[in-house]
Structure formats: structure tokens, C-alpha cells
Amino acid sequence: MIQIAELTSQYTLKLPDEIQGRFRPSDRFVVWVDGDTLYLKRITPPPVTKIVAQAPEEEPLSMDEINEIVHQVRRLRRASR
């Protein structure tokens, strides 16, 4: 499906209705340009329940442990691209 998006005078990208319907107004996107091609990728954070399931039940995580988990998740995401 190929459709046309429009850049408004307020520098807002107006997406076709069929494409808009696939997203919510609060969705966030990573945007990058390669030559004259514009890429949009929706950011979909994992559900909080998945993150909480990794936490040990005995005692709260330290800030260093939390930081390490965040870095591991980011490394995994970068590797999966």
C-alpha cells in the first residue's frame, strides 16, 4: 500500500487516514533520514509486568543492578535491529 503524507505549514506530518488508524496519538517514533528517504519506527516499550518479572523477590534492586538491566535490554534491542 502506497499513500501520500503531507508536511503542513506548521511542520506537522499529516498521515493518510488508513495509516493514522493504526496508531494512537500518544505513540512515539524514532525518526531518521537516509538521503531523501524518511523512516519512522514506532517505539514499543515492553510491558511493565515483563520487567517486574525479572526482579528478585527477596530484596529491592540496587541502582547499579537496575542500571545493568537497562543496559542489557538496550544491547539486546540494538542487536535485534
N, C-alpha and C. Protein backbone atom coordinates (compact mmCIF):
# COMPACT_ATOMS: atom_id res chain seq x y z
N MET A 1 0.84 -1.17 0.00
CA MET A 1 0.00 0.00 0.00
C MET A 1 0.89 1.24 0.00
N ILE A 2 0.74 2.07 -0.97
CA ILE A 2 1.48 3.32 -1.04
C ILE A 2 0.48 4.45 -0.96
N GLN A 3 0.72 5.38 -0.04
CA GLN A 3 -0.12 6.55 0.12
C GLN A 3 0.78 7.76 0.30
N ILE A 4 0.20 8.93 0.28
CA ILE A 4 0.98 10.16 0.37
C ILE A 4 0.71 10.85 1.70
N ALA A 5 1.81 11.20 2.40
CA ALA A 5 1.74 12.00 3.62
C ALA A 5 2.07 13.44 3.21
N GLU A 6 1.61 14.39 4.02
CA GLU A 6 1.82 15.80 3.69
C GLU A 6 2.47 16.52 4.87
N LEU A 7 3.47 17.34 4.59
CA LEU A 7 4.09 18.18 5.61
C LEU A 7 3.35 19.51 5.59
N THR A 8 2.72 19.86 6.73
CA THR A 8 1.92 21.08 6.78
C THR A 8 2.81 22.30 6.99
N SER A 9 2.23 23.48 6.91
CA SER A 9 2.99 24.72 7.11
C SER A 9 3.48 24.84 8.55
N GLN A 10 2.90 24.08 9.48
CA GLN A 10 3.37 24.07 10.88
C GLN A 10 4.40 22.96 11.10
N TYR A 11 4.91 22.37 10.01
CA TYR A 11 5.89 21.29 10.05
C TYR A 11 5.37 20.06 10.80
N THR A 12 4.08 19.80 10.62
CA THR A 12 3.46 18.60 11.15
C THR A 12 3.25 17.64 9.99
N LEU A 13 3.60 16.37 10.19
CA LEU A 13 3.41 15.38 9.14
C LEU A 13 2.00 14.84 9.22
N LYS A 14 1.21 15.05 8.19
CA LYS A 14 -0.18 14.58 8.12
C LYS A 14 -0.19 13.24 7.42
N LEU A 15 -0.52 12.19 8.18
CA LEU A 15 -0.55 10.84 7.63
C LEU A 15 -1.92 10.54 7.04
N PRO A 16 -1.99 9.70 6.01
CA PRO A 16 -3.29 9.29 5.47
C PRO A 16 -4.13 8.61 6.55
N ASP A 17 -5.44 8.75 6.45
CA ASP A 17 -6.36 8.21 7.46
C ASP A 17 -6.14 6.73 7.75
N GLU A 18 -5.93 5.93 6.71
CA GLU A 18 -5.74 4.49 6.91
C GLU A 18 -4.51 4.20 7.77
N ILE A 19 -3.47 4.99 7.61
CA ILE A 19 -2.25 4.80 8.39
C ILE A 19 -2.44 5.36 9.79
N GLN A 20 -3.09 6.52 9.92
CA GLN A 20 -3.35 7.10 11.25
C GLN A 20 -4.10 6.12 12.13
N GLY A 21 -5.03 5.38 11.56
CA GLY A 21 -5.86 4.45 12.33
C GLY A 21 -5.06 3.33 12.98
N ARG A 22 -3.83 3.13 12.56
CA ARG A 22 -3.01 2.06 13.12
C ARG A 22 -2.27 2.50 14.38
N PHE A 23 -2.32 3.80 14.70
CA PHE A 23 -1.56 4.33 15.82
C PHE A 23 -2.45 5.13 16.76
N ARG A 24 -1.91 5.42 17.96
CA ARG A 24 -2.61 6.27 18.92
C ARG A 24 -1.89 7.61 18.98
N PRO A 25 -2.60 8.68 19.37
CA PRO A 25 -1.95 9.99 19.45
C PRO A 25 -0.75 10.02 20.39
N SER A 26 -0.70 9.16 21.38
CA SER A 26 0.41 9.16 22.33
C SER A 26 1.61 8.34 21.86
N ASP A 27 1.49 7.63 20.73
CA ASP A 27 2.61 6.83 20.23
C ASP A 27 3.81 7.70 19.93
N ARG A 28 4.99 7.13 20.16
CA ARG A 28 6.24 7.84 19.89
C ARG A 28 7.01 7.06 18.83
N PHE A 29 7.83 7.78 18.06
CA PHE A 29 8.54 7.18 16.95
C PHE A 29 10.01 7.60 16.95
N VAL A 30 10.85 6.68 16.52
CA VAL A 30 12.22 7.01 16.20
C VAL A 30 12.19 7.44 14.74
N VAL A 31 12.88 8.53 14.42
CA VAL A 31 12.87 9.06 13.06
C VAL A 31 14.30 9.22 12.58
N TRP A 32 14.57 8.77 11.36
CA TRP A 32 15.88 9.01 10.77
C TRP A 32 15.73 9.19 9.27
N VAL A 33 16.73 9.86 8.70
CA VAL A 33 16.72 10.18 7.28
C VAL A 33 17.93 9.53 6.63
N ASP A 34 17.71 8.95 5.47
CA ASP A 34 18.79 8.38 4.67
C ASP A 34 18.60 8.93 3.26
N GLY A 35 19.38 9.94 2.91
CA GLY A 35 19.20 10.60 1.62
C GLY A 35 17.87 11.33 1.62
N ASP A 36 17.00 10.98 0.65
CA ASP A 36 15.68 11.61 0.61
C ASP A 36 14.59 10.70 1.17
N THR A 37 15.00 9.66 1.90
CA THR A 37 14.05 8.72 2.49
C THR A 37 13.92 8.99 3.98
N LEU A 38 12.69 9.13 4.45
CA LEU A 38 12.39 9.36 5.86
C LEU A 38 11.84 8.06 6.45
N TYR A 39 12.42 7.62 7.53
CA TYR A 39 11.98 6.40 8.20
C TYR A 39 11.33 6.76 9.53
N LEU A 40 10.24 6.09 9.84
CA LEU A 40 9.56 6.21 11.14
C LEU A 40 9.43 4.81 11.71
N LYS A 41 9.83 4.63 12.95
CA LYS A 41 9.66 3.34 13.62
C LYS A 41 9.03 3.61 14.98
N ARG A 42 7.87 3.00 15.20
CA ARG A 42 7.19 3.20 16.47
C ARG A 42 8.00 2.57 17.60
N ILE A 43 8.08 3.30 18.69
CA ILE A 43 8.76 2.81 19.89
C ILE A 43 7.73 2.05 20.70
N THR A 44 8.01 0.79 20.96
CA THR A 44 7.08 -0.02 21.74
C THR A 44 7.82 -0.59 22.95
N PRO A 45 7.74 0.11 24.08
CA PRO A 45 8.41 -0.40 25.28
C PRO A 45 7.75 -1.69 25.76
N PRO A 46 8.53 -2.57 26.40
CA PRO A 46 7.94 -3.80 26.90
C PRO A 46 6.97 -3.49 28.04
N PRO A 47 5.99 -4.36 28.23
CA PRO A 47 5.06 -4.14 29.34
C PRO A 47 5.79 -4.17 30.69
N VAL A 48 5.31 -3.39 31.61
CA VAL A 48 5.93 -3.30 32.93
C VAL A 48 5.96 -4.67 33.60
N THR A 49 4.96 -5.48 33.39
CA THR A 49 4.91 -6.81 34.03
C THR A 49 6.09 -7.66 33.61
N LYS A 50 6.57 -7.50 32.37
CA LYS A 50 7.73 -8.27 31.90
C LYS A 50 8.99 -7.82 32.64
N ILE A 51 9.13 -6.55 32.87
CA ILE A 51 10.29 -6.02 33.58
C ILE A 51 10.25 -6.45 35.05
N VAL A 52 9.10 -6.33 35.67
CA VAL A 52 8.96 -6.67 37.08
C VAL A 52 9.20 -8.16 37.30
N ALA A 53 8.85 -8.99 36.34
CA ALA A 53 9.03 -10.44 36.48
C ALA A 53 10.50 -10.81 36.61
N GLN A 54 11.40 -9.97 36.11
CA GLN A 54 12.83 -10.26 36.20
C GLN A 54 13.41 -9.89 37.57
N ALA A 55 12.70 -9.13 38.35
CA ALA A 55 13.23 -8.65 39.64
C ALA A 55 13.17 -9.77 40.68
N PRO A 56 14.23 -9.91 41.46
CA PRO A 56 14.19 -10.92 42.54
C PRO A 56 13.19 -10.50 43.61
N GLU A 57 12.57 -11.48 44.25
CA GLU A 57 11.53 -11.20 45.23
C GLU A 57 12.10 -10.90 46.62
N GLU A 58 13.34 -11.27 46.90
CA GLU A 58 13.88 -11.15 48.25
C GLU A 58 14.04 -9.69 48.69
N GLU A 59 14.78 -8.91 47.93
CA GLU A 59 15.06 -7.53 48.32
C GLU A 59 15.03 -6.64 47.08
N PRO A 60 14.81 -5.35 47.25
CA PRO A 60 14.76 -4.45 46.09
C PRO A 60 16.11 -4.40 45.37
N LEU A 61 16.05 -4.11 44.09
CA LEU A 61 17.27 -3.99 43.30
C LEU A 61 18.00 -2.70 43.66
N SER A 62 19.31 -2.76 43.61
CA SER A 62 20.10 -1.54 43.82
C SER A 62 20.07 -0.73 42.52
N MET A 63 20.48 0.53 42.59
CA MET A 63 20.52 1.36 41.40
C MET A 63 21.50 0.79 40.38
N ASP A 64 22.60 0.21 40.83
CA ASP A 64 23.56 -0.41 39.92
C ASP A 64 22.95 -1.60 39.19
N GLU A 65 22.17 -2.40 39.92
CA GLU A 65 21.51 -3.56 39.29
C GLU A 65 20.47 -3.10 38.27
N ILE A 66 19.71 -2.09 38.62
CA ILE A 66 18.71 -1.55 37.69
C ILE A 66 19.40 -1.01 36.45
N ASN A 67 20.48 -0.27 36.64
CA ASN A 67 21.24 0.29 35.53
C ASN A 67 21.75 -0.82 34.61
N GLU A 68 22.25 -1.90 35.17
CA GLU A 68 22.76 -3.00 34.37
C GLU A 68 21.64 -3.66 33.56
N ILE A 69 20.47 -3.82 34.15
CA ILE A 69 19.33 -4.41 33.43
C ILE A 69 18.95 -3.51 32.25
N VAL A 70 18.90 -2.22 32.48
CA VAL A 70 18.56 -1.27 31.41
C VAL A 70 19.57 -1.39 30.27
N HIS A 71 20.84 -1.44 30.59
CA HIS A 71 21.87 -1.56 29.57
C HIS A 71 21.76 -2.89 28.81
N GLN A 72 21.44 -3.97 29.51
CA GLN A 72 21.27 -5.27 28.84
C GLN A 72 20.12 -5.21 27.84
N VAL A 73 18.99 -4.63 28.26
CA VAL A 73 17.83 -4.53 27.37
C VAL A 73 18.17 -3.70 26.15
N ARG A 74 18.86 -2.59 26.35
CA ARG A 74 19.24 -1.74 25.21
C ARG A 74 20.18 -2.47 24.25
N ARG A 75 21.13 -3.23 24.81
CA ARG A 75 22.04 -4.00 23.95
C ARG A 75 21.27 -5.03 23.13
N LEU A 76 20.32 -5.71 23.77
CA LEU A 76 19.50 -6.70 23.06
C LEU A 76 18.69 -6.08 21.94
N ARG A 77 18.12 -4.91 22.21
CA ARG A 77 17.32 -4.23 21.17
C ARG A 77 18.18 -3.80 20.00
N ARG A 78 19.36 -3.27 20.29
CA ARG A 78 20.25 -2.85 19.21
C ARG A 78 20.68 -4.06 18.38
N ALA A 79 20.94 -5.18 19.03
CA ALA A 79 21.38 -6.38 18.32
C ALA A 79 20.27 -6.97 17.46
N SER A 80 19.02 -6.74 17.81
CA SER A 80 17.91 -7.33 17.06
C SER A 80 17.50 -6.49 15.85
N ARG A 81 18.09 -5.33 15.67
CA ARG A 81 17.72 -4.47 14.51
C ARG A 81 18.31 -4.98 13.25
